[in-house]
Amino acid sequence: MNPNHEPNWKAIAAMPEFQELLRAKRRFVIPCCIFFTCYYLSLLILVGWFADLVKKPVLGLVNGAYLFALSQFFMTWIMAYVYTAKAAKFDTQAAAILTKAGH
């Protein structure tokens, strides 16, 4: 990419490949955000309205609420790993689009 030459962003935005990249990102990011929000809020809902269910001991003194809260850490790490792998593919597609646009 030539640092003295500004890419024609309007032409790039009009490219079918760029539009497909945006659609692919939306198909991935929006469901992930919805899943994360629902998963996070479900602990609050369970503790608030179904306290009897989650306060039952599961492993000794550890109850369902503690296990669910701990699972949120693992879920977050897994989602971060999956996003990192997917973002690398998005970056490769973006680089190909810039190369095709002559930058």
PDB file of N, CA and C in Angstrom:
ATOM      1  N   MET A   1       0.853  -1.173   0.000  1.00  0.00           N
ATOM      2  CA  MET A   1       0.000   0.000   0.000  1.00  0.00           C
ATOM      3  C   MET A   1       0.894   1.229   0.000  1.00  0.00           C
ATOM      4  N   ASN A   2       0.615   2.113  -0.881  1.00  0.00           N
ATOM      5  CA  ASN A   2       1.399   3.333  -1.009  1.00  0.00           C
ATOM      6  C   ASN A   2       0.953   4.320   0.068  1.00  0.00           C
ATOM      7  N   PRO A   3       1.859   4.729   0.976  1.00  0.00           N
ATOM      8  CA  PRO A   3       1.458   5.628   2.056  1.00  0.00           C
ATOM      9  C   PRO A   3       1.064   7.019   1.565  1.00  0.00           C
ATOM     10  N   ASN A   4       1.504   7.407   0.357  1.00  0.00           N
ATOM     11  CA  ASN A   4       1.178   8.724  -0.172  1.00  0.00           C
ATOM     12  C   ASN A   4      -0.143   8.739  -0.944  1.00  0.00           C
ATOM     13  N   HIS A   5      -0.699   7.582  -1.179  1.00  0.00           N
ATOM     14  CA  HIS A   5      -1.924   7.489  -1.972  1.00  0.00           C
ATOM     15  C   HIS A   5      -3.065   6.984  -1.093  1.00  0.00           C
ATOM     16  N   GLU A   6      -4.081   7.812  -0.939  1.00  0.00           N
ATOM     17  CA  GLU A   6      -5.257   7.444  -0.145  1.00  0.00           C
ATOM     18  C   GLU A   6      -6.140   6.516  -0.980  1.00  0.00           C
ATOM     19  N   PRO A   7      -6.541   5.353  -0.424  1.00  0.00           N
ATOM     20  CA  PRO A   7      -7.415   4.453  -1.189  1.00  0.00           C
ATOM     21  C   PRO A   7      -8.754   5.112  -1.504  1.00  0.00           C
ATOM     22  N   ASN A   8      -9.363   4.680  -2.576  1.00  0.00           N
ATOM     23  CA  ASN A   8     -10.684   5.150  -2.950  1.00  0.00           C
ATOM     24  C   ASN A   8     -11.703   4.329  -2.154  1.00  0.00           C
ATOM     25  N   TRP A   9     -12.042   4.835  -0.982  1.00  0.00           N
ATOM     26  CA  TRP A   9     -12.895   4.084  -0.055  1.00  0.00           C
ATOM     27  C   TRP A   9     -14.286   3.866  -0.619  1.00  0.00           C
ATOM     28  N   LYS A  10     -14.796   4.802  -1.386  1.00  0.00           N
ATOM     29  CA  LYS A  10     -16.136   4.628  -1.976  1.00  0.00           C
ATOM     30  C   LYS A  10     -16.139   3.473  -2.966  1.00  0.00           C
ATOM     31  N   ALA A  11     -15.090   3.364  -3.753  1.00  0.00           N
ATOM     32  CA  ALA A  11     -15.004   2.260  -4.718  1.00  0.00           C
ATOM     33  C   ALA A  11     -14.850   0.925  -3.989  1.00  0.00           C
ATOM     34  N   ILE A  12     -14.057   0.921  -2.939  1.00  0.00           N
ATOM     35  CA  ILE A  12     -13.876  -0.308  -2.156  1.00  0.00           C
ATOM     36  C   ILE A  12     -15.194  -0.712  -1.506  1.00  0.00           C
ATOM     37  N   ALA A  13     -15.907   0.241  -0.946  1.00  0.00           N
ATOM     38  CA  ALA A  13     -17.189  -0.043  -0.287  1.00  0.00           C
ATOM     39  C   ALA A  13     -18.215  -0.583  -1.272  1.00  0.00           C
ATOM     40  N   ALA A  14     -18.091  -0.228  -2.536  1.00  0.00           N
ATOM     41  CA  ALA A  14     -19.035  -0.686  -3.559  1.00  0.00           C
ATOM     42  C   ALA A  14     -18.686  -2.070  -4.104  1.00  0.00           C
ATOM     43  N   MET A  15     -17.508  -2.584  -3.787  1.00  0.00           N
ATOM     44  CA  MET A  15     -17.083  -3.885  -4.304  1.00  0.00           C
ATOM     45  C   MET A  15     -17.939  -5.003  -3.703  1.00  0.00           C
ATOM     46  N   PRO A  16     -18.355  -5.975  -4.523  1.00  0.00           N
ATOM     47  CA  PRO A  16     -19.150  -7.096  -4.005  1.00  0.00           C
ATOM     48  C   PRO A  16     -18.408  -7.892  -2.918  1.00  0.00           C
ATOM     49  N   GLU A  17     -17.093  -7.995  -3.055  1.00  0.00           N
ATOM     50  CA  GLU A  17     -16.308  -8.721  -2.058  1.00  0.00           C
ATOM     51  C   GLU A  17     -16.366  -8.035  -0.691  1.00  0.00           C
ATOM     52  N   PHE A  18     -16.339  -6.699  -0.714  1.00  0.00           N
ATOM     53  CA  PHE A  18     -16.415  -5.952   0.539  1.00  0.00           C
ATOM     54  C   PHE A  18     -17.797  -6.112   1.170  1.00  0.00           C
ATOM     55  N   GLN A  19     -18.831  -6.057   0.343  1.00  0.00           N
ATOM     56  CA  GLN A  19     -20.189  -6.247   0.848  1.00  0.00           C
ATOM     57  C   GLN A  19     -20.356  -7.640   1.463  1.00  0.00           C
ATOM     58  N   GLU A  20     -19.761  -8.631   0.828  1.00  0.00           N
ATOM     59  CA  GLU A  20     -19.831  -9.993   1.364  1.00  0.00           C
ATOM     60  C   GLU A  20     -19.057 -10.095   2.684  1.00  0.00           C
ATOM     61  N   LEU A  21     -17.930  -9.414   2.776  1.00  0.00           N
ATOM     62  CA  LEU A  21     -17.170  -9.394   4.029  1.00  0.00           C
ATOM     63  C   LEU A  21     -18.007  -8.789   5.155  1.00  0.00           C
ATOM     64  N   LEU A  22     -18.687  -7.697   4.874  1.00  0.00           N
ATOM     65  CA  LEU A  22     -19.547  -7.084   5.891  1.00  0.00           C
ATOM     66  C   LEU A  22     -20.675  -8.014   6.312  1.00  0.00           C
ATOM     67  N   ARG A  23     -21.275  -8.701   5.336  1.00  0.00           N
ATOM     68  CA  ARG A  23     -22.349  -9.638   5.668  1.00  0.00           C
ATOM     69  C   ARG A  23     -21.826 -10.788   6.525  1.00  0.00           C
ATOM     70  N   ALA A  24     -20.652 -11.300   6.174  1.00  0.00           N
ATOM     71  CA  ALA A  24     -20.061 -12.396   6.944  1.00  0.00           C
ATOM     72  C   ALA A  24     -19.755 -11.961   8.379  1.00  0.00           C
ATOM     73  N   LYS A  25     -19.247 -10.756   8.523  1.00  0.00           N
ATOM     74  CA  LYS A  25     -18.960 -10.256   9.877  1.00  0.00           C
ATOM     75  C   LYS A  25     -20.243 -10.103  10.678  1.00  0.00           C
ATOM     76  N   ARG A  26     -21.288  -9.573  10.049  1.00  0.00           N
ATOM     77  CA  ARG A  26     -22.571  -9.421  10.745  1.00  0.00           C
ATOM     78  C   ARG A  26     -23.156 -10.777  11.134  1.00  0.00           C
ATOM     79  N   ARG A  27     -23.058 -11.766  10.215  1.00  0.00           N
ATOM     80  CA  ARG A  27     -23.585 -13.104  10.511  1.00  0.00           C
ATOM     81  C   ARG A  27     -22.861 -13.740  11.689  1.00  0.00           C
ATOM     82  N   PHE A  28     -21.649 -13.343  11.934  1.00  0.00           N
ATOM     83  CA  PHE A  28     -20.890 -13.896  13.060  1.00  0.00           C
ATOM     84  C   PHE A  28     -21.061 -13.064  14.323  1.00  0.00           C
ATOM     85  N   VAL A  29     -20.890 -11.766  14.231  1.00  0.00           N
ATOM     86  CA  VAL A  29     -20.845 -10.900  15.414  1.00  0.00           C
ATOM     87  C   VAL A  29     -22.216 -10.756  16.087  1.00  0.00           C
ATOM     88  N   ILE A  30     -23.263 -10.562  15.328  1.00  0.00           N
ATOM     89  CA  ILE A  30     -24.583 -10.338  15.934  1.00  0.00           C
ATOM     90  C   ILE A  30     -25.055 -11.550  16.734  1.00  0.00           C
ATOM     91  N   PRO A  31     -25.007 -12.773  16.188  1.00  0.00           N
ATOM     92  CA  PRO A  31     -25.402 -13.919  17.014  1.00  0.00           C
ATOM     93  C   PRO A  31     -24.515 -14.103  18.246  1.00  0.00           C
ATOM     94  N   CYS A  32     -23.218 -13.826  18.099  1.00  0.00           N
ATOM     95  CA  CYS A  32     -22.328 -13.934  19.261  1.00  0.00           C
ATOM     96  C   CYS A  32     -22.716 -12.939  20.355  1.00  0.00           C
ATOM     97  N   CYS A  33     -23.029 -11.739  19.967  1.00  0.00           N
ATOM     98  CA  CYS A  33     -23.443 -10.723  20.952  1.00  0.00           C
ATOM     99  C   CYS A  33     -24.752 -11.103  21.624  1.00  0.00           C
ATOM    100  N   ILE A  34     -25.689 -11.609  20.848  1.00  0.00           N
ATOM    101  CA  ILE A  34     -26.968 -12.036  21.418  1.00  0.00           C
ATOM    102  C   ILE A  34     -26.753 -13.195  22.379  1.00  0.00           C
ATOM    103  N   PHE A  35     -25.960 -14.177  21.964  1.00  0.00           N
ATOM    104  CA  PHE A  35     -25.677 -15.322  22.836  1.00  0.00           C
ATOM    105  C   PHE A  35     -25.007 -14.873  24.124  1.00  0.00           C
ATOM    106  N   PHE A  36     -23.972 -14.032  24.010  1.00  0.00           N
ATOM    107  CA  PHE A  36     -23.253 -13.574  25.189  1.00  0.00           C
ATOM    108  C   PHE A  36     -24.182 -12.835  26.149  1.00  0.00           C
ATOM    109  N   THR A  37     -25.016 -11.947  25.624  1.00  0.00           N
ATOM    110  CA  THR A  37     -25.927 -11.176  26.471  1.00  0.00           C
ATOM    111  C   THR A  37     -26.929 -12.096  27.169  1.00  0.00           C
ATOM    112  N   CYS A  38     -27.503 -13.031  26.430  1.00  0.00           N
ATOM    113  CA  CYS A  38     -28.460 -13.970  27.032  1.00  0.00           C
ATOM    114  C   CYS A  38     -27.790 -14.846  28.084  1.00  0.00           C
ATOM    115  N   TYR A  39     -26.599 -15.325  27.780  1.00  0.00           N
ATOM    116  CA  TYR A  39     -25.877 -16.180  28.730  1.00  0.00           C
ATOM    117  C   TYR A  39     -25.548 -15.407  30.001  1.00  0.00           C
ATOM    118  N   TYR A  40     -25.092 -14.194  29.847  1.00  0.00           N
ATOM    119  CA  TYR A  40     -24.737 -13.364  31.004  1.00  0.00           C
ATOM    120  C   TYR A  40     -25.974 -13.047  31.842  1.00  0.00           C
ATOM    121  N   LEU A  41     -27.050 -12.630  31.193  1.00  0.00           N
ATOM    122  CA  LEU A  41     -28.261 -12.248  31.921  1.00  0.00           C
ATOM    123  C   LEU A  41     -28.982 -13.447  32.531  1.00  0.00           C
ATOM    124  N   SER A  42     -28.769 -14.624  31.979  1.00  0.00           N
ATOM    125  CA  SER A  42     -29.459 -15.802  32.517  1.00  0.00           C
ATOM    126  C   SER A  42     -29.043 -16.092  33.955  1.00  0.00           C
ATOM    127  N   LEU A  43     -27.812 -15.811  34.327  1.00  0.00           N
ATOM    128  CA  LEU A  43     -27.409 -16.000  35.725  1.00  0.00           C
ATOM    129  C   LEU A  43     -28.189 -15.054  36.628  1.00  0.00           C
ATOM    130  N   LEU A  44     -28.327 -13.833  36.212  1.00  0.00           N
ATOM    131  CA  LEU A  44     -29.082 -12.871  37.012  1.00  0.00           C
ATOM    132  C   LEU A  44     -30.546 -13.291  37.141  1.00  0.00           C
ATOM    133  N   ILE A  45     -31.115 -13.779  36.058  1.00  0.00           N
ATOM    134  CA  ILE A  45     -32.502 -14.227  36.084  1.00  0.00           C
ATOM    135  C   ILE A  45     -32.648 -15.450  36.983  1.00  0.00           C
ATOM    136  N   LEU A  46     -31.733 -16.400  36.844  1.00  0.00           N
ATOM    137  CA  LEU A  46     -31.796 -17.598  37.678  1.00  0.00           C
ATOM    138  C   LEU A  46     -31.671 -17.264  39.161  1.00  0.00           C
ATOM    139  N   VAL A  47     -30.726 -16.415  39.497  1.00  0.00           N
ATOM    140  CA  VAL A  47     -30.520 -16.053  40.903  1.00  0.00           C
ATOM    141  C   VAL A  47     -31.689 -15.223  41.426  1.00  0.00           C
ATOM    142  N   GLY A  48     -32.237 -14.368  40.590  1.00  0.00           N
ATOM    143  CA  GLY A  48     -33.327 -13.500  41.031  1.00  0.00           C
ATOM    144  C   GLY A  48     -34.660 -14.200  41.162  1.00  0.00           C
ATOM    145  N   TRP A  49     -35.030 -15.028  40.170  1.00  0.00           N
ATOM    146  CA  TRP A  49     -36.364 -15.613  40.162  1.00  0.00           C
ATOM    147  C   TRP A  49     -36.388 -17.113  40.455  1.00  0.00           C
ATOM    148  N   PHE A  50     -35.264 -17.772  40.307  1.00  0.00           N
ATOM    149  CA  PHE A  50     -35.211 -19.217  40.541  1.00  0.00           C
ATOM    150  C   PHE A  50     -34.116 -19.563  41.539  1.00  0.00           C
ATOM    151  N   ALA A  51     -34.066 -18.798  42.611  1.00  0.00           N
ATOM    152  CA  ALA A  51     -33.005 -18.952  43.611  1.00  0.00           C
ATOM    153  C   ALA A  51     -32.988 -20.350  44.216  1.00  0.00           C
ATOM    154  N   ASP A  52     -34.148 -20.933  44.433  1.00  0.00           N
ATOM    155  CA  ASP A  52     -34.195 -22.278  45.014  1.00  0.00           C
ATOM    156  C   ASP A  52     -33.505 -23.302  44.117  1.00  0.00           C
ATOM    157  N   LEU A  53     -33.597 -23.103  42.834  1.00  0.00           N
ATOM    158  CA  LEU A  53     -32.978 -24.026  41.883  1.00  0.00           C
ATOM    159  C   LEU A  53     -31.456 -23.943  41.926  1.00  0.00           C
ATOM    160  N   VAL A  54     -30.914 -22.732  41.916  1.00  0.00           N
ATOM    161  CA  VAL A  54     -29.458 -22.580  41.817  1.00  0.00           C
ATOM    162  C   VAL A  54     -28.738 -22.613  43.161  1.00  0.00           C
ATOM    163  N   LYS A  55     -29.470 -22.560  44.252  1.00  0.00           N
ATOM    164  CA  LYS A  55     -28.773 -22.594  45.549  1.00  0.00           C
ATOM    165  C   LYS A  55     -28.597 -24.016  46.075  1.00  0.00           C
ATOM    166  N   LYS A  56     -29.074 -24.989  45.333  1.00  0.00           N
ATOM    167  CA  LYS A  56     -28.878 -26.388  45.725  1.00  0.00           C
ATOM    168  C   LYS A  56     -27.409 -26.769  45.557  1.00  0.00           C
ATOM    169  N   PRO A  57     -26.844 -27.447  46.568  1.00  0.00           N
ATOM    170  CA  PRO A  57     -25.443 -27.885  46.464  1.00  0.00           C
ATOM    171  C   PRO A  57     -25.261 -28.882  45.317  1.00  0.00           C
ATOM    172  N   VAL A  58     -24.193 -28.700  44.574  1.00  0.00           N
ATOM    173  CA  VAL A  58     -23.891 -29.593  43.463  1.00  0.00           C
ATOM    174  C   VAL A  58     -22.638 -30.405  43.782  1.00  0.00           C
ATOM    175  N   LEU A  59     -21.589 -29.723  44.225  1.00  0.00           N
ATOM    176  CA  LEU A  59     -20.331 -30.370  44.602  1.00  0.00           C
ATOM    177  C   LEU A  59     -19.942 -29.890  46.003  1.00  0.00           C
ATOM    178  N   GLY A  60     -20.365 -30.590  47.013  1.00  0.00           N
ATOM    179  CA  GLY A  60     -20.064 -30.163  48.378  1.00  0.00           C
ATOM    180  C   GLY A  60     -20.770 -28.865  48.697  1.00  0.00           C
ATOM    181  N   LEU A  61     -19.994 -27.838  49.022  1.00  0.00           N
ATOM    182  CA  LEU A  61     -20.572 -26.532  49.337  1.00  0.00           C
ATOM    183  C   LEU A  61     -20.811 -25.669  48.102  1.00  0.00           C
ATOM    184  N   VAL A  62     -20.374 -26.137  46.965  1.00  0.00           N
ATOM    185  CA  VAL A  62     -20.515 -25.370  45.723  1.00  0.00           C
ATOM    186  C   VAL A  62     -21.908 -25.607  45.148  1.00  0.00           C
ATOM    187  N   ASN A  63     -22.630 -24.511  44.926  1.00  0.00           N
ATOM    188  CA  ASN A  63     -23.985 -24.647  44.394  1.00  0.00           C
ATOM    189  C   ASN A  63     -24.026 -24.324  42.895  1.00  0.00           C
ATOM    190  N   GLY A  64     -25.218 -24.454  42.328  1.00  0.00           N
ATOM    191  CA  GLY A  64     -25.393 -24.233  40.894  1.00  0.00           C
ATOM    192  C   GLY A  64     -25.051 -22.826  40.451  1.00  0.00           C
ATOM    193  N   ALA A  65     -25.338 -21.836  41.293  1.00  0.00           N
ATOM    194  CA  ALA A  65     -25.041 -20.446  40.930  1.00  0.00           C
ATOM    195  C   ALA A  65     -23.536 -20.223  40.790  1.00  0.00           C
ATOM    196  N   TYR A  66     -22.752 -20.794  41.714  1.00  0.00           N
ATOM    197  CA  TYR A  66     -21.295 -20.655  41.604  1.00  0.00           C
ATOM    198  C   TYR A  66     -20.772 -21.335  40.349  1.00  0.00           C
ATOM    199  N   LEU A  67     -21.289 -22.512  40.043  1.00  0.00           N
ATOM    200  CA  LEU A  67     -20.830 -23.215  38.841  1.00  0.00           C
ATOM    201  C   LEU A  67     -21.213 -22.454  37.570  1.00  0.00           C
ATOM    202  N   PHE A  68     -22.417 -21.905  37.561  1.00  0.00           N
ATOM    203  CA  PHE A  68     -22.838 -21.138  36.390  1.00  0.00           C
ATOM    204  C   PHE A  68     -21.981 -19.880  36.237  1.00  0.00           C
ATOM    205  N   ALA A  69     -21.717 -19.213  37.351  1.00  0.00           N
ATOM    206  CA  ALA A  69     -20.869 -18.011  37.298  1.00  0.00           C
ATOM    207  C   ALA A  69     -19.472 -18.370  36.807  1.00  0.00           C
ATOM    208  N   LEU A  70     -18.928 -19.483  37.259  1.00  0.00           N
ATOM    209  CA  LEU A  70     -17.611 -19.924  36.802  1.00  0.00           C
ATOM    210  C   LEU A  70     -17.644 -20.270  35.317  1.00  0.00           C
ATOM    211  N   SER A  71     -18.744 -20.848  34.872  1.00  0.00           N
ATOM    212  CA  SER A  71     -18.850 -21.210  33.456  1.00  0.00           C
ATOM    213  C   SER A  71     -18.808 -19.982  32.554  1.00  0.00           C
ATOM    214  N   GLN A  72     -19.201 -18.830  33.083  1.00  0.00           N
ATOM    215  CA  GLN A  72     -19.156 -17.616  32.276  1.00  0.00           C
ATOM    216  C   GLN A  72     -17.725 -17.230  31.919  1.00  0.00           C
ATOM    217  N   PHE A  73     -16.784 -17.497  32.803  1.00  0.00           N
ATOM    218  CA  PHE A  73     -15.381 -17.237  32.475  1.00  0.00           C
ATOM    219  C   PHE A  73     -14.945 -18.110  31.310  1.00  0.00           C
ATOM    220  N   PHE A  74     -15.258 -19.399  31.387  1.00  0.00           N
ATOM    221  CA  PHE A  74     -14.861 -20.318  30.323  1.00  0.00           C
ATOM    222  C   PHE A  74     -15.553 -19.972  29.004  1.00  0.00           C
ATOM    223  N   MET A  75     -16.822 -19.623  29.087  1.00  0.00           N
ATOM    224  CA  MET A  75     -17.552 -19.235  27.886  1.00  0.00           C
ATOM    225  C   MET A  75     -16.923 -18.002  27.244  1.00  0.00           C
ATOM    226  N   THR A  76     -16.517 -17.047  28.059  1.00  0.00           N
ATOM    227  CA  THR A  76     -15.893 -15.833  27.539  1.00  0.00           C
ATOM    228  C   THR A  76     -14.563 -16.155  26.868  1.00  0.00           C
ATOM    229  N   TRP A  77     -13.766 -17.010  27.480  1.00  0.00           N
ATOM    230  CA  TRP A  77     -12.479 -17.393  26.887  1.00  0.00           C
ATOM    231  C   TRP A  77     -12.686 -18.128  25.567  1.00  0.00           C
ATOM    232  N   ILE A  78     -13.666 -19.018  25.536  1.00  0.00           N
ATOM    233  CA  ILE A  78     -13.945 -19.759  24.303  1.00  0.00           C
ATOM    234  C   ILE A  78     -14.414 -18.813  23.204  1.00  0.00           C
ATOM    235  N   MET A  79     -15.301 -17.894  23.556  1.00  0.00           N
ATOM    236  CA  MET A  79     -15.778 -16.928  22.553  1.00  0.00           C
ATOM    237  C   MET A  79     -14.638 -16.039  22.055  1.00  0.00           C
ATOM    238  N   ALA A  80     -13.735 -15.652  22.944  1.00  0.00           N
ATOM    239  CA  ALA A  80     -12.592 -14.832  22.537  1.00  0.00           C
ATOM    240  C   ALA A  80     -11.695 -15.610  21.583  1.00  0.00           C
ATOM    241  N   TYR A  81     -11.482 -16.886  21.853  1.00  0.00           N
ATOM    242  CA  TYR A  81     -10.650 -17.721  20.981  1.00  0.00           C
ATOM    243  C   TYR A  81     -11.301 -17.863  19.603  1.00  0.00           C
ATOM    244  N   VAL A  82     -12.598 -18.157  19.596  1.00  0.00           N
ATOM    245  CA  VAL A  82     -13.311 -18.321  18.325  1.00  0.00           C
ATOM    246  C   VAL A  82     -13.305 -17.007  17.542  1.00  0.00           C
ATOM    247  N   TYR A  83     -13.529 -15.883  18.238  1.00  0.00           N
ATOM    248  CA  TYR A  83     -13.515 -14.591  17.551  1.00  0.00           C
ATOM    249  C   TYR A  83     -12.133 -14.290  16.966  1.00  0.00           C
ATOM    250  N   THR A  84     -11.087 -14.597  17.709  1.00  0.00           N
ATOM    251  CA  THR A  84      -9.730 -14.348  17.223  1.00  0.00           C
ATOM    252  C   THR A  84      -9.457 -15.142  15.944  1.00  0.00           C
ATOM    253  N   ALA A  85      -9.877 -16.396  15.928  1.00  0.00           N
ATOM    254  CA  ALA A  85      -9.678 -17.216  14.731  1.00  0.00           C
ATOM    255  C   ALA A  85     -10.496 -16.675  13.559  1.00  0.00           C
ATOM    256  N   LYS A  86     -11.730 -16.295  13.830  1.00  0.00           N
ATOM    257  CA  LYS A  86     -12.592 -15.769  12.768  1.00  0.00           C
ATOM    258  C   LYS A  86     -12.090 -14.404  12.276  1.00  0.00           C
ATOM    259  N   ALA A  87     -11.607 -13.570  13.194  1.00  0.00           N
ATOM    260  CA  ALA A  87     -11.104 -12.245  12.816  1.00  0.00           C
ATOM    261  C   ALA A  87      -9.883 -12.364  11.910  1.00  0.00           C
ATOM    262  N   ALA A  88      -9.074 -13.397  12.116  1.00  0.00           N
ATOM    263  CA  ALA A  88      -7.914 -13.600  11.243  1.00  0.00           C
ATOM    264  C   ALA A  88      -8.379 -13.853   9.802  1.00  0.00           C
ATOM    265  N   LYS A  89      -9.467 -14.593   9.640  1.00  0.00           N
ATOM    266  CA  LYS A  89     -10.018 -14.831   8.299  1.00  0.00           C
ATOM    267  C   LYS A  89     -10.578 -13.531   7.711  1.00  0.00           C
ATOM    268  N   PHE A  90     -11.244 -12.744   8.557  1.00  0.00           N
ATOM    269  CA  PHE A  90     -11.757 -11.461   8.079  1.00  0.00           C
ATOM    270  C   PHE A  90     -10.616 -10.562   7.629  1.00  0.00           C
ATOM    271  N   ASP A  91      -9.519 -10.550   8.385  1.00  0.00           N
ATOM    272  CA  ASP A  91      -8.357  -9.734   8.021  1.00  0.00           C
ATOM    273  C   ASP A  91      -7.760 -10.177   6.689  1.00  0.00           C
ATOM    274  N   THR A  92      -7.717 -11.490   6.465  1.00  0.00           N
ATOM    275  CA  THR A  92      -7.207 -12.015   5.199  1.00  0.00           C
ATOM    276  C   THR A  92      -8.095 -11.573   4.036  1.00  0.00           C
ATOM    277  N   GLN A  93      -9.416 -11.639   4.250  1.00  0.00           N
ATOM    278  CA  GLN A  93     -10.345 -11.189   3.213  1.00  0.00           C
ATOM    279  C   GLN A  93     -10.190  -9.696   2.952  1.00  0.00           C
ATOM    280  N   ALA A  94     -10.025  -8.907   4.006  1.00  0.00           N
ATOM    281  CA  ALA A  94      -9.868  -7.457   3.840  1.00  0.00           C
ATOM    282  C   ALA A  94      -8.588  -7.144   3.083  1.00  0.00           C
ATOM    283  N   ALA A  95      -7.506  -7.860   3.385  1.00  0.00           N
ATOM    284  CA  ALA A  95      -6.247  -7.640   2.672  1.00  0.00           C
ATOM    285  C   ALA A  95      -6.394  -7.984   1.192  1.00  0.00           C
ATOM    286  N   ALA A  96      -7.134  -9.045   0.896  1.00  0.00           N
ATOM    287  CA  ALA A  96      -7.360  -9.432  -0.505  1.00  0.00           C
ATOM    288  C   ALA A  96      -8.177  -8.358  -1.226  1.00  0.00           C
ATOM    289  N   ILE A  97      -9.134  -7.781  -0.537  1.00  0.00           N
ATOM    290  CA  ILE A  97      -9.949  -6.721  -1.144  1.00  0.00           C
ATOM    291  C   ILE A  97      -9.081  -5.500  -1.434  1.00  0.00           C
ATOM    292  N   LEU A  98      -8.227  -5.124  -0.504  1.00  0.00           N
ATOM    293  CA  LEU A  98      -7.338  -3.965  -0.739  1.00  0.00           C
ATOM    294  C   LEU A  98      -6.362  -4.245  -1.878  1.00  0.00           C
ATOM    295  N   THR A  99      -5.879  -5.482  -1.954  1.00  0.00           N
ATOM    296  CA  THR A  99      -4.962  -5.839  -3.045  1.00  0.00           C
ATOM    297  C   THR A  99      -5.683  -5.755  -4.388  1.00  0.00           C
ATOM    298  N   LYS A 100      -6.910  -6.260  -4.416  1.00  0.00           N
ATOM    299  CA  LYS A 100      -7.679  -6.206  -5.666  1.00  0.00           C
ATOM    300  C   LYS A 100      -7.980  -4.758  -6.057  1.00  0.00           C
ATOM    301  N   ALA A 101      -8.157  -3.900  -5.061  1.00  0.00           N
ATOM    302  CA  ALA A 101      -8.438  -2.487  -5.344  1.00  0.00           C
ATOM    303  C   ALA A 101      -7.167  -1.726  -5.735  1.00  0.00           C
ATOM    304  N   GLY A 102      -6.041  -2.397  -5.704  1.00  0.00           N
ATOM    305  CA  GLY A 102      -4.781  -1.781  -6.138  1.00  0.00           C
ATOM    306  C   GLY A 102      -4.048  -1.056  -5.023  1.00  0.00           C
ATOM    307  N   HIS A 103      -4.224  -1.491  -3.792  1.00  0.00           N
ATOM    308  CA  HIS A 103      -3.554  -0.827  -2.679  1.00  0.00           C
ATOM    309  C   HIS A 103      -2.762  -1.830  -1.899  1.00  0.00           C
TER     310      HIS A 103
END
